[in-house]
Structures are given as C-alpha cells and as structure tokens.
PDB file of N, CA and C in Angstrom:
ATOM      1  N   HIS A   1     121.475 143.205-104.201  1.00  0.00           N
ATOM      2  CA  HIS A   1     121.626 142.804-105.601  1.00  0.00           C
ATOM      3  C   HIS A   1     122.044 144.144-106.271  1.00  0.00           C
ATOM      4  N   THR A   2     123.281 143.936-107.121  1.00  0.00           N
ATOM      5  CA  THR A   2     123.713 145.162-107.735  1.00  0.00           C
ATOM      6  C   THR A   2     123.006 145.575-108.887  1.00  0.00           C
ATOM      7  N   THR A   3     122.091 144.837-109.491  1.00  0.00           N
ATOM      8  CA  THR A   3     121.257 145.311-110.760  1.00  0.00           C
ATOM      9  C   THR A   3     120.251 146.357-110.252  1.00  0.00           C
ATOM     10  N   PHE A   4     120.042 146.483-109.016  1.00  0.00           N
ATOM     11  CA  PHE A   4     118.989 147.479-108.460  1.00  0.00           C
ATOM     12  C   PHE A   4     119.676 148.775-108.686  1.00  0.00           C
ATOM     13  N   PHE A   5     120.923 148.981-108.641  1.00  0.00           N
ATOM     14  CA  PHE A   5     121.562 150.284-109.022  1.00  0.00           C
ATOM     15  C   PHE A   5     121.940 150.492-110.475  1.00  0.00           C
ATOM     16  N   SER A   6     122.121 149.353-111.201  1.00  0.00           N
ATOM     17  CA  SER A   6     122.841 149.484-112.551  1.00  0.00           C
ATOM     18  C   SER A   6     121.919 149.146-113.683  1.00  0.00           C
ATOM     19  N   ASP A   7     120.626 148.741-113.427  1.00  0.00           N
ATOM     20  CA  ASP A   7     119.767 148.259-114.531  1.00  0.00           C
ATOM     21  C   ASP A   7     118.969 149.345-115.010  1.00  0.00           C
ATOM     22  N   TYR A   8     118.727 149.120-116.277  1.00  0.00           N
ATOM     23  CA  TYR A   8     117.809 150.307-116.927  1.00  0.00           C
ATOM     24  C   TYR A   8     116.678 150.796-116.144  1.00  0.00           C
ATOM     25  N   SER A   9     116.045 149.953-115.470  1.00  0.00           N
ATOM     26  CA  SER A   9     114.863 150.367-114.670  1.00  0.00           C
ATOM     27  C   SER A   9     115.185 150.777-113.243  1.00  0.00           C
ATOM     28  N   SER A  10     116.402 151.028-112.939  1.00  0.00           N
ATOM     29  CA  SER A  10     116.959 151.215-111.487  1.00  0.00           C
ATOM     30  C   SER A  10     116.576 152.764-111.367  1.00  0.00           C
ATOM     31  N   ILE A  11     116.569 153.185-109.991  1.00  0.00           N
ATOM     32  CA  ILE A  11     116.172 154.418-109.562  1.00  0.00           C
ATOM     33  C   ILE A  11     117.310 155.274-109.884  1.00  0.00           C
ATOM     34  N   VAL A  12     118.511 154.985-109.819  1.00  0.00           N
ATOM     35  CA  VAL A  12     119.712 155.727-110.138  1.00  0.00           C
ATOM     36  C   VAL A  12     119.646 156.262-111.642  1.00  0.00           C
ATOM     37  N   THR A  13     119.352 155.298-112.593  1.00  0.00           N
ATOM     38  CA  THR A  13     119.272 155.508-113.929  1.00  0.00           C
ATOM     39  C   THR A  13     117.933 156.384-114.167  1.00  0.00           C
ATOM     40  N   PHE A  14     116.998 156.246-113.555  1.00  0.00           N
ATOM     41  CA  PHE A  14     115.771 157.185-113.600  1.00  0.00           C
ATOM     42  C   PHE A  14     116.289 158.542-113.300  1.00  0.00           C
ATOM     43  N   PHE A  15     116.926 158.797-112.131  1.00  0.00           N
ATOM     44  CA  PHE A  15     117.307 160.217-111.644  1.00  0.00           C
ATOM     45  C   PHE A  15     118.311 160.741-112.611  1.00  0.00           C
ATOM     46  N   LEU A  16     119.335 160.101-112.986  1.00  0.00           N
ATOM     47  CA  LEU A  16     120.262 160.588-114.006  1.00  0.00           C
ATOM     48  C   LEU A  16     119.711 161.005-115.256  1.00  0.00           C
ATOM     49  N   SER A  17     118.845 160.059-115.788  1.00  0.00           N
ATOM     50  CA  SER A  17     118.308 160.351-117.254  1.00  0.00           C
ATOM     51  C   SER A  17     117.308 161.556-116.947  1.00  0.00           C
ATOM     52  N   SER A  18     116.494 161.606-116.034  1.00  0.00           N
ATOM     53  CA  SER A  18     115.569 162.658-115.730  1.00  0.00           C
ATOM     54  C   SER A  18     116.345 164.027-115.635  1.00  0.00           C
ATOM     55  N   SER A  19     117.389 164.096-114.879  1.00  0.00           N
ATOM     56  CA  SER A  19     118.187 165.245-114.538  1.00  0.00           C
ATOM     57  C   SER A  19     118.766 165.644-115.991  1.00  0.00           C
ATOM     58  N   PHE A  20     119.395 164.735-116.600  1.00  0.00           N
ATOM     59  CA  PHE A  20     120.013 165.042-118.007  1.00  0.00           C
ATOM     60  C   PHE A  20     119.026 165.626-118.831  1.00  0.00           C
ATOM     61  N   PHE A  21     117.730 165.135-118.944  1.00  0.00           N
ATOM     62  CA  PHE A  21     116.719 165.530-119.778  1.00  0.00           C
ATOM     63  C   PHE A  21     116.426 167.040-119.462  1.00  0.00           C
ATOM     64  N   LEU A  22     116.278 167.327-118.106  1.00  0.00           N
ATOM     65  CA  LEU A  22     115.770 168.743-117.576  1.00  0.00           C
ATOM     66  C   LEU A  22     116.967 169.735-117.887  1.00  0.00           C
ATOM     67  N   VAL A  23     118.235 169.228-117.913  1.00  0.00           N
ATOM     68  CA  VAL A  23     119.164 170.274-118.304  1.00  0.00           C
ATOM     69  C   VAL A  23     119.179 170.601-119.902  1.00  0.00           C
ATOM     70  N   ILE A  24     118.998 169.499-120.615  1.00  0.00           N
ATOM     71  CA  ILE A  24     118.997 169.592-121.984  1.00  0.00           C
ATOM     72  C   ILE A  24     117.807 170.456-122.496  1.00  0.00           C
ATOM     73  N   ILE A  25     116.652 170.290-121.849  1.00  0.00           N
ATOM     74  CA  ILE A  25     115.440 170.978-122.275  1.00  0.00           C
ATOM     75  C   ILE A  25     115.477 172.575-121.838  1.00  0.00           C
ATOM     76  N   LYS A  26     116.309 172.828-120.975  1.00  0.00           N
ATOM     77  CA  LYS A  26     116.607 174.249-120.582  1.00  0.00           C
ATOM     78  C   LYS A  26     117.520 174.967-121.469  1.00  0.00           C
ATOM     79  N   LEU A  27     118.207 174.187-122.310  1.00  0.00           N
ATOM     80  CA  LEU A  27     119.226 174.850-123.211  1.00  0.00           C
ATOM     81  C   LEU A  27     118.550 175.695-124.207  1.00  0.00           C
ATOM     82  N   LYS A  28     119.126 177.022-124.358  1.00  0.00           N
ATOM     83  CA  LYS A  28     118.599 177.857-125.417  1.00  0.00           C
ATOM     84  C   LYS A  28     119.323 177.545-126.684  1.00  0.00           C
ATOM     85  N   LEU A  29     118.877 176.649-127.602  1.00  0.00           N
ATOM     86  CA  LEU A  29     119.437 176.272-128.798  1.00  0.00           C
ATOM     87  C   LEU A  29     119.649 177.383-129.733  1.00  0.00           C
ATOM     88  N   ASN A  30     118.672 178.343-129.719  1.00  0.00           N
ATOM     89  CA  ASN A  30     118.953 179.477-130.683  1.00  0.00           C
ATOM     90  C   ASN A  30     120.210 180.301-130.448  1.00  0.00           C
ATOM     91  N   GLU A  31     120.837 180.278-129.193  1.00  0.00           N
ATOM     92  CA  GLU A  31     121.928 180.737-128.966  1.00  0.00           C
ATOM     93  C   GLU A  31     123.317 180.116-129.166  1.00  0.00           C
ATOM     94  N   LEU A  32     123.174 178.853-129.464  1.00  0.00           N
ATOM     95  CA  LEU A  32     124.283 177.973-129.805  1.00  0.00           C
ATOM     96  C   LEU A  32     124.762 178.167-131.076  1.00  0.00           C
ATOM     97  N   PRO A  33     126.025 177.851-131.420  1.00  0.00           N
ATOM     98  CA  PRO A  33     126.497 177.888-132.781  1.00  0.00           C
ATOM     99  C   PRO A  33     125.829 176.901-133.743  1.00  0.00           C
ATOM    100  N   CYS A  34     125.663 177.298-135.010  1.00  0.00           N
ATOM    101  CA  CYS A  34     124.913 176.434-135.962  1.00  0.00           C
ATOM    102  C   CYS A  34     125.399 174.993-135.948  1.00  0.00           C
ATOM    103  N   PHE A  35     126.864 174.748-135.792  1.00  0.00           N
ATOM    104  CA  PHE A  35     127.292 173.371-135.852  1.00  0.00           C
ATOM    105  C   PHE A  35     126.709 172.602-134.691  1.00  0.00           C
ATOM    106  N   ILE A  36     126.749 173.244-133.475  1.00  0.00           N
ATOM    107  CA  ILE A  36     126.291 172.530-132.300  1.00  0.00           C
ATOM    108  C   ILE A  36     124.787 172.272-132.411  1.00  0.00           C
ATOM    109  N   ARG A  37     124.025 173.196-133.031  1.00  0.00           N
ATOM    110  CA  ARG A  37     122.568 172.846-133.168  1.00  0.00           C
ATOM    111  C   ARG A  37     122.346 171.767-134.147  1.00  0.00           C
ATOM    112  N   TYR A  38     123.170 171.643-135.168  1.00  0.00           N
ATOM    113  CA  TYR A  38     123.239 170.508-136.114  1.00  0.00           C
ATOM    114  C   TYR A  38     123.553 169.150-135.458  1.00  0.00           C
ATOM    115  N   VAL A  39     124.439 169.189-134.645  1.00  0.00           N
ATOM    116  CA  VAL A  39     124.705 167.983-133.805  1.00  0.00           C
ATOM    117  C   VAL A  39     123.659 167.569-132.972  1.00  0.00           C
ATOM    118  N   PHE A  40     123.038 168.496-132.325  1.00  0.00           N
ATOM    119  CA  PHE A  40     121.893 168.138-131.503  1.00  0.00           C
ATOM    120  C   PHE A  40     120.756 167.599-132.243  1.00  0.00           C
ATOM    121  N   TYR A  41     120.546 168.167-133.494  1.00  0.00           N
ATOM    122  CA  TYR A  41     119.544 167.754-134.339  1.00  0.00           C
ATOM    123  C   TYR A  41     119.866 166.429-134.914  1.00  0.00           C
ATOM    124  N   PHE A  42     120.960 166.121-135.341  1.00  0.00           N
ATOM    125  CA  PHE A  42     121.432 164.919-135.835  1.00  0.00           C
ATOM    126  C   PHE A  42     121.196 163.668-134.864  1.00  0.00           C
ATOM    127  N   ILE A  43     121.682 164.025-133.551  1.00  0.00           N
ATOM    128  CA  ILE A  43     121.451 162.915-132.564  1.00  0.00           C
ATOM    129  C   ILE A  43     120.029 162.732-132.234  1.00  0.00           C
ATOM    130  N   SER A  44     119.240 163.729-132.284  1.00  0.00           N
ATOM    131  CA  SER A  44     117.929 163.550-131.941  1.00  0.00           C
ATOM    132  C   SER A  44     117.104 162.785-133.003  1.00  0.00           C
ATOM    133  N   CYS A  45     117.476 162.986-134.308  1.00  0.00           N
ATOM    134  CA  CYS A  45     116.896 162.171-135.272  1.00  0.00           C
ATOM    135  C   CYS A  45     117.093 160.700-135.214  1.00  0.00           C
ATOM    136  N   HIS A  46     118.335 160.479-134.556  1.00  0.00           N
ATOM    137  CA  HIS A  46     118.798 159.083-134.469  1.00  0.00           C
ATOM    138  C   HIS A  46     118.478 158.459-133.009  1.00  0.00           C
ATOM    139  N   SER A  47     118.051 159.252-132.191  1.00  0.00           N
ATOM    140  CA  SER A  47     118.042 158.816-130.725  1.00  0.00           C
ATOM    141  C   SER A  47     117.112 157.621-130.379  1.00  0.00           C
ATOM    142  N   PHE A  48     116.029 157.462-131.298  1.00  0.00           N
ATOM    143  CA  PHE A  48     115.171 156.180-130.887  1.00  0.00           C
ATOM    144  C   PHE A  48     116.010 154.956-131.374  1.00  0.00           C
ATOM    145  N   GLY A  49     116.522 155.002-132.682  1.00  0.00           N
ATOM    146  CA  GLY A  49     117.396 154.015-132.953  1.00  0.00           C
ATOM    147  C   GLY A  49     118.466 153.668-132.188  1.00  0.00           C
ATOM    148  N   MET A  50     119.114 154.752-131.637  1.00  0.00           N
ATOM    149  CA  MET A  50     120.277 154.665-130.562  1.00  0.00           C
ATOM    150  C   MET A  50     119.720 153.797-129.422  1.00  0.00           C
ATOM    151  N   TYR A  51     118.586 154.267-128.987  1.00  0.00           N
ATOM    152  CA  TYR A  51     118.037 153.568-127.788  1.00  0.00           C
ATOM    153  C   TYR A  51     117.861 152.118-127.949  1.00  0.00           C
ATOM    154  N   LEU A  52     117.345 151.664-129.165  1.00  0.00           N
ATOM    155  CA  LEU A  52     116.852 150.391-129.515  1.00  0.00           C
ATOM    156  C   LEU A  52     118.157 149.505-129.636  1.00  0.00           C
ATOM    157  N   ILE A  53     119.246 150.055-130.174  1.00  0.00           N
ATOM    158  CA  ILE A  53     120.520 149.214-130.529  1.00  0.00           C
ATOM    159  C   ILE A  53     121.418 149.205-129.434  1.00  0.00           C
ATOM    160  N   SER A  54     121.328 150.156-128.533  1.00  0.00           N
ATOM    161  CA  SER A  54     122.409 150.452-127.448  1.00  0.00           C
ATOM    162  C   SER A  54     122.567 149.202-126.551  1.00  0.00           C
ATOM    163  N   TYR A  55     121.450 148.484-126.326  1.00  0.00           N
ATOM    164  CA  TYR A  55     121.402 147.347-125.590  1.00  0.00           C
ATOM    165  C   TYR A  55     122.484 146.110-125.965  1.00  0.00           C
ATOM    166  N   VAL A  56     122.554 146.084-127.368  1.00  0.00           N
ATOM    167  CA  VAL A  56     123.488 145.134-127.790  1.00  0.00           C
ATOM    168  C   VAL A  56     124.952 145.567-127.720  1.00  0.00           C
ATOM    169  N   PHE A  57     125.273 146.902-127.927  1.00  0.00           N
ATOM    170  CA  PHE A  57     126.524 147.352-127.582  1.00  0.00           C
ATOM    171  C   PHE A  57     126.900 147.293-126.101  1.00  0.00           C
ATOM    172  N   ASP A  58     125.916 147.686-125.069  1.00  0.00           N
ATOM    173  CA  ASP A  58     126.041 147.534-123.817  1.00  0.00           C
ATOM    174  C   ASP A  58     126.605 146.150-123.399  1.00  0.00           C
ATOM    175  N   LYS A  59     125.856 145.098-123.865  1.00  0.00           N
ATOM    176  CA  LYS A  59     126.222 143.831-123.554  1.00  0.00           C
ATOM    177  C   LYS A  59     127.646 143.335-124.095  1.00  0.00           C
ATOM    178  N   ILE A  60     128.018 143.832-125.190  1.00  0.00           N
ATOM    179  CA  ILE A  60     129.239 143.543-125.716  1.00  0.00           C
ATOM    180  C   ILE A  60     130.353 144.153-124.971  1.00  0.00           C
ATOM    181  N   ILE A  61     130.345 145.472-124.817  1.00  0.00           N
ATOM    182  CA  ILE A  61     131.354 146.166-124.153  1.00  0.00           C
ATOM    183  C   ILE A  61     131.466 145.810-122.645  1.00  0.00           C
ATOM    184  N   TYR A  62     130.440 145.842-121.994  1.00  0.00           N
ATOM    185  CA  TYR A  62     130.374 145.492-120.361  1.00  0.00           C
ATOM    186  C   TYR A  62     130.768 144.049-120.235  1.00  0.00           C
ATOM    187  N   SER A  63     130.414 143.217-121.013  1.00  0.00           N
ATOM    188  CA  SER A  63     130.832 141.758-120.721  1.00  0.00           C
ATOM    189  C   SER A  63     132.288 141.669-121.089  1.00  0.00           C
ATOM    190  N   TRP A  64     132.839 142.447-122.022  1.00  0.00           N
ATOM    191  CA  TRP A  64     134.195 142.319-122.285  1.00  0.00           C
ATOM    192  C   TRP A  64     135.012 143.041-121.140  1.00  0.00           C
ATOM    193  N   ILE A  65     134.564 143.991-120.544  1.00  0.00           N
ATOM    194  CA  ILE A  65     135.275 144.701-119.540  1.00  0.00           C
ATOM    195  C   ILE A  65     135.212 143.780-118.161  1.00  0.00           C
ATOM    196  N   MET A  66     134.167 143.240-118.037  1.00  0.00           N
ATOM    197  CA  MET A  66     133.982 142.384-116.797  1.00  0.00           C
ATOM    198  C   MET A  66     134.946 141.161-116.929  1.00  0.00           C
ATOM    199  N   MET A  67     135.044 140.629-118.072  1.00  0.00           N
ATOM    200  CA  MET A  67     135.952 139.475-118.296  1.00  0.00           C
ATOM    201  C   MET A  67     137.373 139.870-118.240  1.00  0.00           C
ATOM    202  N   LYS A  68     137.842 141.080-118.777  1.00  0.00           N
ATOM    203  CA  LYS A  68     139.149 141.473-118.770  1.00  0.00           C
ATOM    204  C   LYS A  68     139.609 142.167-117.556  1.00  0.00           C
ATOM    205  N   VAL A  69     138.801 142.788-116.806  1.00  0.00           N
ATOM    206  CA  VAL A  69     139.171 143.599-115.582  1.00  0.00           C
ATOM    207  C   VAL A  69     138.343 142.904-114.436  1.00  0.00           C
ATOM    208  N   VAL A  70     139.222 142.305-113.531  1.00  0.00           N
ATOM    209  CA  VAL A  70     138.497 141.604-112.446  1.00  0.00           C
ATOM    210  C   VAL A  70     138.043 142.548-111.222  1.00  0.00           C
ATOM    211  N   ASN A  71     139.093 143.351-111.116  1.00  0.00           N
ATOM    212  CA  ASN A  71     138.903 144.304-109.928  1.00  0.00           C
ATOM    213  C   ASN A  71     137.838 145.248-110.255  1.00  0.00           C
ATOM    214  N   VAL A  72     136.776 145.422-109.445  1.00  0.00           N
ATOM    215  CA  VAL A  72     135.678 146.314-109.668  1.00  0.00           C
ATOM    216  C   VAL A  72     136.154 147.850-109.511  1.00  0.00           C
ATOM    217  N   GLY A  73     137.121 148.206-108.797  1.00  0.00           N
ATOM    218  CA  GLY A  73     137.616 149.639-108.570  1.00  0.00           C
ATOM    219  C   GLY A  73     138.308 149.965-110.036  1.00  0.00           C
ATOM    220  N   GLU A  74     138.991 149.016-110.631  1.00  0.00           N
ATOM    221  CA  GLU A  74     139.630 149.249-111.822  1.00  0.00           C
ATOM    222  C   GLU A  74     138.725 149.339-113.045  1.00  0.00           C
ATOM    223  N   ARG A  75     137.483 148.700-112.854  1.00  0.00           N
ATOM    224  CA  ARG A  75     136.526 148.963-113.897  1.00  0.00           C
ATOM    225  C   ARG A  75     136.041 150.287-114.133  1.00  0.00           C
ATOM    226  N   LEU A  76     136.081 151.276-113.122  1.00  0.00           N
ATOM    227  CA  LEU A  76     135.634 152.588-113.101  1.00  0.00           C
ATOM    228  C   LEU A  76     136.567 153.363-114.176  1.00  0.00           C
ATOM    229  N   TYR A  77     137.841 153.065-114.305  1.00  0.00           N
ATOM    230  CA  TYR A  77     138.548 153.699-115.344  1.00  0.00           C
ATOM    231  C   TYR A  77     138.047 153.576-116.680  1.00  0.00           C
ATOM    232  N   TYR A  78     137.200 152.477-116.920  1.00  0.00           N
ATOM    233  CA  TYR A  78     136.826 152.156-118.350  1.00  0.00           C
ATOM    234  C   TYR A  78     135.269 152.619-118.591  1.00  0.00           C
ATOM    235  N   PHE A  79     134.813 153.418-117.470  1.00  0.00           N
ATOM    236  CA  PHE A  79     133.431 153.766-117.539  1.00  0.00           C
ATOM    237  C   PHE A  79     133.285 154.787-118.644  1.00  0.00           C
ATOM    238  N   ILE A  80     133.971 155.893-118.674  1.00  0.00           N
ATOM    239  CA  ILE A  80     133.756 156.980-119.724  1.00  0.00           C
ATOM    240  C   ILE A  80     134.086 156.395-121.114  1.00  0.00           C
ATOM    241  N   PRO A  81     135.156 155.793-121.305  1.00  0.00           N
ATOM    242  CA  PRO A  81     135.361 155.225-122.684  1.00  0.00           C
ATOM    243  C   PRO A  81     134.242 154.217-122.941  1.00  0.00           C
ATOM    244  N   ALA A  82     133.832 153.486-122.114  1.00  0.00           N
ATOM    245  CA  ALA A  82     132.848 152.565-122.394  1.00  0.00           C
ATOM    246  C   ALA A  82     131.476 153.168-122.829  1.00  0.00           C
ATOM    247  N   VAL A  83     131.092 154.180-122.071  1.00  0.00           N
ATOM    248  CA  VAL A  83     130.004 155.017-122.451  1.00  0.00           C
ATOM    249  C   VAL A  83     130.011 155.650-123.816  1.00  0.00           C
ATOM    250  N   LEU A  84     131.103 156.231-124.084  1.00  0.00           N
ATOM    251  CA  LEU A  84     131.423 156.949-125.388  1.00  0.00           C
ATOM    252  C   LEU A  84     131.310 155.734-126.524  1.00  0.00           C
ATOM    253  N   PHE A  85     131.919 154.693-126.325  1.00  0.00           N
ATOM    254  CA  PHE A  85     132.024 153.781-127.306  1.00  0.00           C
ATOM    255  C   PHE A  85     130.516 153.175-127.775  1.00  0.00           C
ATOM    256  N   VAL A  86     129.723 152.954-126.463  1.00  0.00           N
ATOM    257  CA  VAL A  86     128.293 152.604-126.737  1.00  0.00           C
ATOM    258  C   VAL A  86     127.485 153.663-127.415  1.00  0.00           C
ATOM    259  N   PHE A  87     127.691 154.896-127.108  1.00  0.00           N
ATOM    260  CA  PHE A  87     127.019 156.144-127.662  1.00  0.00           C
ATOM    261  C   PHE A  87     127.344 156.219-129.116  1.00  0.00           C
ATOM    262  N   MET A  88     128.572 156.207-129.445  1.00  0.00           N
ATOM    263  CA  MET A  88     129.147 156.360-130.823  1.00  0.00           C
ATOM    264  C   MET A  88     128.719 155.236-131.642  1.00  0.00           C
ATOM    265  N   SER A  89     128.929 153.977-131.163  1.00  0.00           N
ATOM    266  CA  SER A  89     128.449 152.869-131.929  1.00  0.00           C
ATOM    267  C   SER A  89     127.105 152.731-132.266  1.00  0.00           C
ATOM    268  N   SER A  90     126.239 153.007-131.193  1.00  0.00           N
ATOM    269  CA  SER A  90     124.655 153.190-131.401  1.00  0.00           C
ATOM    270  C   SER A  90     124.408 154.121-132.397  1.00  0.00           C
ATOM    271  N   LEU A  91     125.037 155.514-132.354  1.00  0.00           N
ATOM    272  CA  LEU A  91     124.773 156.458-133.364  1.00  0.00           C
ATOM    273  C   LEU A  91     125.039 156.044-134.666  1.00  0.00           C
ATOM    274  N   VAL A  92     126.343 155.487-134.867  1.00  0.00           N
ATOM    275  CA  VAL A  92     126.722 155.100-136.228  1.00  0.00           C
ATOM    276  C   VAL A  92     125.798 153.997-136.785  1.00  0.00           C
ATOM    277  N   CYS A  93     125.468 153.032-135.965  1.00  0.00           N
ATOM    278  CA  CYS A  93     124.593 151.910-136.370  1.00  0.00           C
ATOM    279  C   CYS A  93     123.150 152.482-136.642  1.00  0.00           C
ATOM    280  N   SER A  94     122.609 153.334-135.827  1.00  0.00           N
ATOM    281  CA  SER A  94     121.299 153.885-136.058  1.00  0.00           C
ATOM    282  C   SER A  94     121.360 154.620-137.550  1.00  0.00           C
ATOM    283  N   PHE A  95     122.331 155.458-137.793  1.00  0.00           N
ATOM    284  CA  PHE A  95     122.430 156.060-138.986  1.00  0.00           C
ATOM    285  C   PHE A  95     122.609 155.192-140.157  1.00  0.00           C
ATOM    286  N   ILE A  96     123.374 154.173-140.096  1.00  0.00           N
ATOM    287  CA  ILE A  96     123.365 153.172-141.153  1.00  0.00           C
ATOM    288  C   ILE A  96     122.095 152.480-141.435  1.00  0.00           C
ATOM    289  N   ILE A  97     121.424 152.162-140.488  1.00  0.00           N
ATOM    290  CA  ILE A  97     120.109 151.451-140.463  1.00  0.00           C
ATOM    291  C   ILE A  97     119.097 152.483-141.254  1.00  0.00           C
ATOM    292  N   ASN A  98     119.139 153.716-140.697  1.00  0.00           N
ATOM    293  CA  ASN A  98     118.312 154.575-141.530  1.00  0.00           C
ATOM    294  C   ASN A  98     118.632 154.851-142.922  1.00  0.00           C
ATOM    295  N   ILE A  99     119.861 154.880-143.256  1.00  0.00           N
ATOM    296  CA  ILE A  99     120.265 154.921-144.638  1.00  0.00           C
ATOM    297  C   ILE A  99     119.852 153.827-145.393  1.00  0.00           C
ATOM    298  N   LEU A 100     119.938 152.691-144.828  1.00  0.00           N
ATOM    299  CA  LEU A 100     119.578 151.392-145.546  1.00  0.00           C
ATOM    300  C   LEU A 100     118.069 151.426-145.748  1.00  0.00           C
ATOM    301  N   TYR A 101     117.312 151.854-144.772  1.00  0.00           N
ATOM    302  CA  TYR A 101     115.775 151.951-144.828  1.00  0.00           C
ATOM    303  C   TYR A 101     115.391 152.925-145.769  1.00  0.00           C
ATOM    304  N   GLU A 102     116.055 154.251-146.015  1.00  0.00           N
ATOM    305  CA  GLU A 102     115.649 155.086-147.059  1.00  0.00           C
ATOM    306  C   GLU A 102     116.003 154.704-148.334  1.00  0.00           C
ATOM    307  N   ARG A 103     117.150 154.132-148.568  1.00  0.00           N
ATOM    308  CA  ARG A 103     117.727 153.766-150.004  1.00  0.00           C
ATOM    309  C   ARG A 103     117.127 152.442-150.441  1.00  0.00           C
ATOM    310  N   ILE A 104     116.953 151.461-149.517  1.00  0.00           N
ATOM    311  CA  ILE A 104     116.518 150.210-150.064  1.00  0.00           C
ATOM    312  C   ILE A 104     115.124 149.748-149.643  1.00  0.00           C
ATOM    313  N   ILE A 105     114.837 149.903-148.550  1.00  0.00           N
ATOM    314  CA  ILE A 105     113.522 149.246-147.952  1.00  0.00           C
ATOM    315  C   ILE A 105     112.502 150.160-148.510  1.00  0.00           C
ATOM    316  N   LYS A 106     112.493 151.468-148.117  1.00  0.00           N
ATOM    317  CA  LYS A 106     111.431 152.512-148.361  1.00  0.00           C
ATOM    318  C   LYS A 106     111.320 152.595-149.909  1.00  0.00           C
ATOM    319  N   LYS A 107     112.490 152.605-150.564  1.00  0.00           N
ATOM    320  CA  LYS A 107     112.364 152.798-152.077  1.00  0.00           C
ATOM    321  C   LYS A 107     111.618 151.604-152.611  1.00  0.00           C
ATOM    322  N   GLY A 108     111.942 150.416-152.192  1.00  0.00           N
ATOM    323  CA  GLY A 108     111.314 149.159-152.606  1.00  0.00           C
ATOM    324  C   GLY A 108     109.833 149.187-152.338  1.00  0.00           C
ATOM    325  N   VAL A 109     109.422 149.567-151.174  1.00  0.00           N
ATOM    326  CA  VAL A 109     107.991 149.598-150.620  1.00  0.00           C
ATOM    327  C   VAL A 109     107.281 150.680-151.634  1.00  0.00           C
ATOM    328  N   ASP A 110     108.042 151.862-151.829  1.00  0.00           N
ATOM    329  CA  ASP A 110     107.340 152.870-152.602  1.00  0.00           C
ATOM    330  C   ASP A 110     107.222 152.352-154.044  1.00  0.00           C
ATOM    331  N   SER A 111     108.074 151.627-154.588  1.00  0.00           N
ATOM    332  CA  SER A 111     107.996 151.271-155.951  1.00  0.00           C
ATOM    333  C   SER A 111     106.787 150.143-156.132  1.00  0.00           C
ATOM    334  N   VAL A 112     106.701 149.295-155.038  1.00  0.00           N
ATOM    335  CA  VAL A 112     105.470 148.320-155.065  1.00  0.00           C
ATOM    336  C   VAL A 112     104.184 148.969-154.972  1.00  0.00           C
ATOM    337  N   VAL A 113     104.180 150.124-154.136  1.00  0.00           N
ATOM    338  CA  VAL A 113     102.832 150.733-154.041  1.00  0.00           C
ATOM    339  C   VAL A 113     102.713 151.554-155.392  1.00  0.00           C
ATOM    340  N   TYR A 114     103.574 152.089-155.956  1.00  0.00           N
ATOM    341  CA  TYR A 114     103.283 152.872-157.244  1.00  0.00           C
ATOM    342  C   TYR A 114     102.916 152.013-158.332  1.00  0.00           C
ATOM    343  N   LYS A 115     103.563 150.883-158.380  1.00  0.00           N
ATOM    344  CA  LYS A 115     103.188 149.907-159.403  1.00  0.00           C
ATOM    345  C   LYS A 115     101.803 149.373-159.485  1.00  0.00           C
ATOM    346  N   LYS A 116     101.237 149.370-158.182  1.00  0.00           N
ATOM    347  CA  LYS A 116      99.813 148.922-158.090  1.00  0.00           C
ATOM    348  C   LYS A 116      98.736 149.882-158.582  1.00  0.00           C
ATOM    349  N   CYS A 117      99.165 151.126-158.496  1.00  0.00           N
ATOM    350  CA  CYS A 117      98.283 152.234-158.862  1.00  0.00           C
ATOM    351  C   CYS A 117      98.005 152.390-160.376  1.00  0.00           C
TER     352      CYS A 117
END
C-alpha cells in the first residue's frame, strides 16, 4: 500500500522530519544575518497554524496533480513546486488568520471583558 510511505504517520515522514529538525536545531542563529533570523522567527511564529492548515492545501494540490498527470514518474517533476506551494499557501493563510484573530476576534473579546469590569 503506497500510503505506508507517503502518509503523515509514515516511517519515511518521521525520519525526514526528525532529520530536518535536528539540522535546524544545530544552526547557530546568532551567526546568521538579521534578515534570515527574522525569516526563521516569522515562520516559527506561524508554524502551528501552517501545520493545521497545510492538510487542506495538500489535498487540493496533490489531487490536482494526480488528476492532471497520470504517469507517476512525471509527477516527480511537480514535487518541489507542490511542496513550495503548500508551504507558502499555508504560511500566508496562517498569517491572515493571525491578523484576523488579533484585529477582530481578540479585540472583540477584550472589549467584552473590559465592559463587564
């Protein structure tokens, strides 16, 4: 069954994500340029939201690729663009959700709490 190797809970995904995490944790961020540190900080602030929303974009992009590209070998050409699309879409969506939360929902909740006092 192919989902054994490609599912979120697969052994391949586990080893790739663990290896990536170990590489990232060993980075000496103080030695990086300020802009790069800000990019890492920005992504880390939105990583949980990206994780939660990425499944939606995964389903959209991968079902589209599977529908348009029948040959499995040719699908590999779409791997990097698909991953980048899912990553960037999830980042933008998480950023927008955080802005909406901060400006609308949290402000509304704070105003209700302050009115009761």
